[in-house]
Amino acid sequence: MSHLRVYSTPAGVSLGLLDQIAPGKARNFVLEIGEAHFHGFVVRQDDRVYGYVDRCPHAGMPLAQELDDYLTPRGDLIVCSWHGALFRISSGLCIGGPCGGQSLTPWPVTLRDGQIVTS
């Protein structure tokens, strides 16, 4: 099994229907890219989606300790469950915690005919 990791994906990869993510929730995605793997997550706010590489800028670890658990209880911010860093959903900017001023790496995603697609 390969442990190589990549931090981007090709455009046009369908990730599934928007309805697979409840409004105000997030979902983890692991994609096999050749011999490597990509780890990312998508946050849904109403009918908008925001994608990010699943890697905290503070420690380089995945943000969620539990599957799909990327948001604060109110669902208004992304949170690193390891160190408590808080990020804006719309920009990935860290607004609290040990990586203040840094940002999550965007993972470009869009909606196309009800499908979440990499762009």
Protein backbone atom coordinates (compact mmCIF):
# COMPACT_ATOMS: atom_id res chain seq x y z
CA MET A 1 0.00 0.00 0.00
CA SER A 2 1.36 3.40 -1.01
CA HIS A 3 1.68 6.18 1.56
CA LEU A 4 2.45 8.85 -1.03
CA ARG A 5 0.23 11.88 -0.67
CA VAL A 6 -0.71 14.51 -3.25
CA TYR A 7 -2.28 17.88 -2.50
CA SER A 8 -4.33 18.50 -5.64
CA THR A 9 -6.64 16.60 -7.95
CA PRO A 10 -7.43 16.77 -11.65
CA ALA A 11 -10.42 18.84 -12.71
CA GLY A 12 -13.66 17.09 -13.61
CA VAL A 13 -13.71 14.37 -10.95
CA SER A 14 -17.28 13.79 -9.75
CA LEU A 15 -17.46 13.48 -5.97
CA GLY A 16 -21.16 12.67 -5.81
CA LEU A 17 -24.47 14.43 -5.37
CA LEU A 18 -24.77 17.62 -3.34
CA ASP A 19 -27.54 15.93 -1.35
CA GLN A 20 -24.96 13.53 0.12
CA ILE A 21 -23.80 16.38 2.35
CA ALA A 22 -26.42 17.92 4.63
CA PRO A 23 -26.55 21.75 4.69
CA GLY A 24 -24.12 23.07 7.29
CA LYS A 25 -22.09 19.84 7.34
CA ALA A 26 -18.84 18.56 5.82
CA ARG A 27 -17.67 15.32 4.22
CA ASN A 28 -14.25 13.73 3.89
CA PHE A 29 -12.95 12.47 0.54
CA VAL A 30 -9.94 10.26 -0.15
CA LEU A 31 -9.08 9.89 -3.83
CA GLU A 32 -6.55 7.56 -5.39
CA ILE A 33 -4.41 9.53 -7.85
CA GLY A 34 -2.11 7.08 -9.60
CA GLU A 35 0.05 5.54 -6.87
CA ALA A 36 -0.75 8.29 -4.35
CA HIS A 37 -3.73 9.46 -2.31
CA PHE A 38 -5.41 12.83 -1.93
CA HIS A 39 -7.20 13.69 1.33
CA GLY A 40 -9.70 16.53 1.27
CA PHE A 41 -13.07 17.62 2.57
CA VAL A 42 -16.04 19.58 1.29
CA VAL A 43 -18.24 21.88 3.38
CA ARG A 44 -21.79 22.61 2.27
CA GLN A 45 -23.44 25.92 3.12
CA ASP A 46 -26.93 26.00 1.62
CA ASP A 47 -26.27 25.38 -2.10
CA ARG A 48 -22.59 26.40 -2.03
CA VAL A 49 -19.62 24.10 -1.56
CA TYR A 50 -16.11 24.83 -0.33
CA GLY A 51 -13.28 22.33 -0.63
CA TYR A 52 -10.02 22.14 1.29
CA VAL A 53 -7.03 19.84 1.51
CA ASP A 54 -7.34 17.93 4.79
CA ARG A 55 -4.13 19.26 6.34
CA CYS A 56 -3.79 21.76 9.17
CA PRO A 57 -1.24 24.50 8.37
CA HIS A 58 -0.07 24.40 12.02
CA ALA A 59 1.01 20.77 12.37
CA GLY A 60 0.45 19.22 8.93
CA MET A 61 -2.05 16.72 10.30
CA PRO A 62 -5.59 15.98 9.12
CA LEU A 63 -8.05 18.32 10.86
CA ALA A 64 -10.66 15.80 11.99
CA GLN A 65 -10.08 13.08 14.56
CA GLU A 66 -13.50 11.61 13.71
CA LEU A 67 -14.77 11.02 10.18
CA ASP A 68 -16.49 14.09 8.69
CA ASP A 69 -16.15 16.08 11.95
CA TYR A 70 -14.71 19.31 10.49
CA LEU A 71 -17.04 21.99 11.85
CA THR A 72 -17.73 23.67 15.16
CA PRO A 73 -20.97 22.59 16.90
CA ARG A 74 -22.74 25.65 15.42
CA GLY A 75 -21.46 24.73 11.96
CA ASP A 76 -20.17 28.24 11.34
CA LEU A 77 -16.41 27.55 11.31
CA ILE A 78 -13.99 24.79 10.36
CA VAL A 79 -12.08 23.51 13.40
CA CYS A 80 -8.90 21.50 13.82
CA SER A 81 -9.85 18.92 16.42
CA TRP A 82 -6.21 18.48 17.49
CA HIS A 83 -5.27 22.03 18.47
CA GLY A 84 -8.51 24.03 18.25
CA ALA A 85 -7.55 26.25 15.31
CA LEU A 86 -10.59 27.93 13.75
CA PHE A 87 -10.97 28.69 10.04
CA ARG A 88 -13.51 30.64 8.00
CA ILE A 89 -15.49 28.32 5.75
CA SER A 90 -15.56 30.71 2.78
CA SER A 91 -11.82 31.45 2.70
CA GLY A 92 -9.99 28.89 4.85
CA LEU A 93 -8.32 31.73 6.79
CA CYS A 94 -7.30 30.83 10.35
CA ILE A 95 -8.96 33.31 12.70
CA GLY A 96 -8.07 31.66 16.00
CA GLY A 97 -5.62 29.21 17.48
CA PRO A 98 -1.98 28.36 16.84
CA CYS A 99 -1.94 29.13 13.11
CA GLY A 100 -3.48 32.61 13.17
CA GLY A 101 -3.21 34.35 9.82
CA GLN A 102 -2.40 31.16 7.89
CA SER A 103 -4.94 29.44 5.63
CA LEU A 104 -6.09 26.01 4.66
CA THR A 105 -5.09 24.94 1.16
CA PRO A 106 -8.11 25.34 -1.14
CA TRP A 107 -9.36 22.33 -3.08
CA PRO A 108 -11.31 23.80 -6.01
CA VAL A 109 -14.77 22.23 -6.25
CA THR A 110 -17.97 23.39 -7.92
CA LEU A 111 -21.55 22.30 -8.49
CA ARG A 112 -22.60 20.98 -11.87
CA ASP A 113 -26.14 19.63 -12.35
CA GLY A 114 -26.45 18.73 -8.67
CA GLN A 115 -23.04 17.02 -8.59
CA ILE A 116 -19.98 18.16 -6.66
CA VAL A 117 -17.11 18.21 -9.16
CA THR A 118 -13.43 19.13 -8.83
CA SER A 119 -12.49 22.20 -10.84
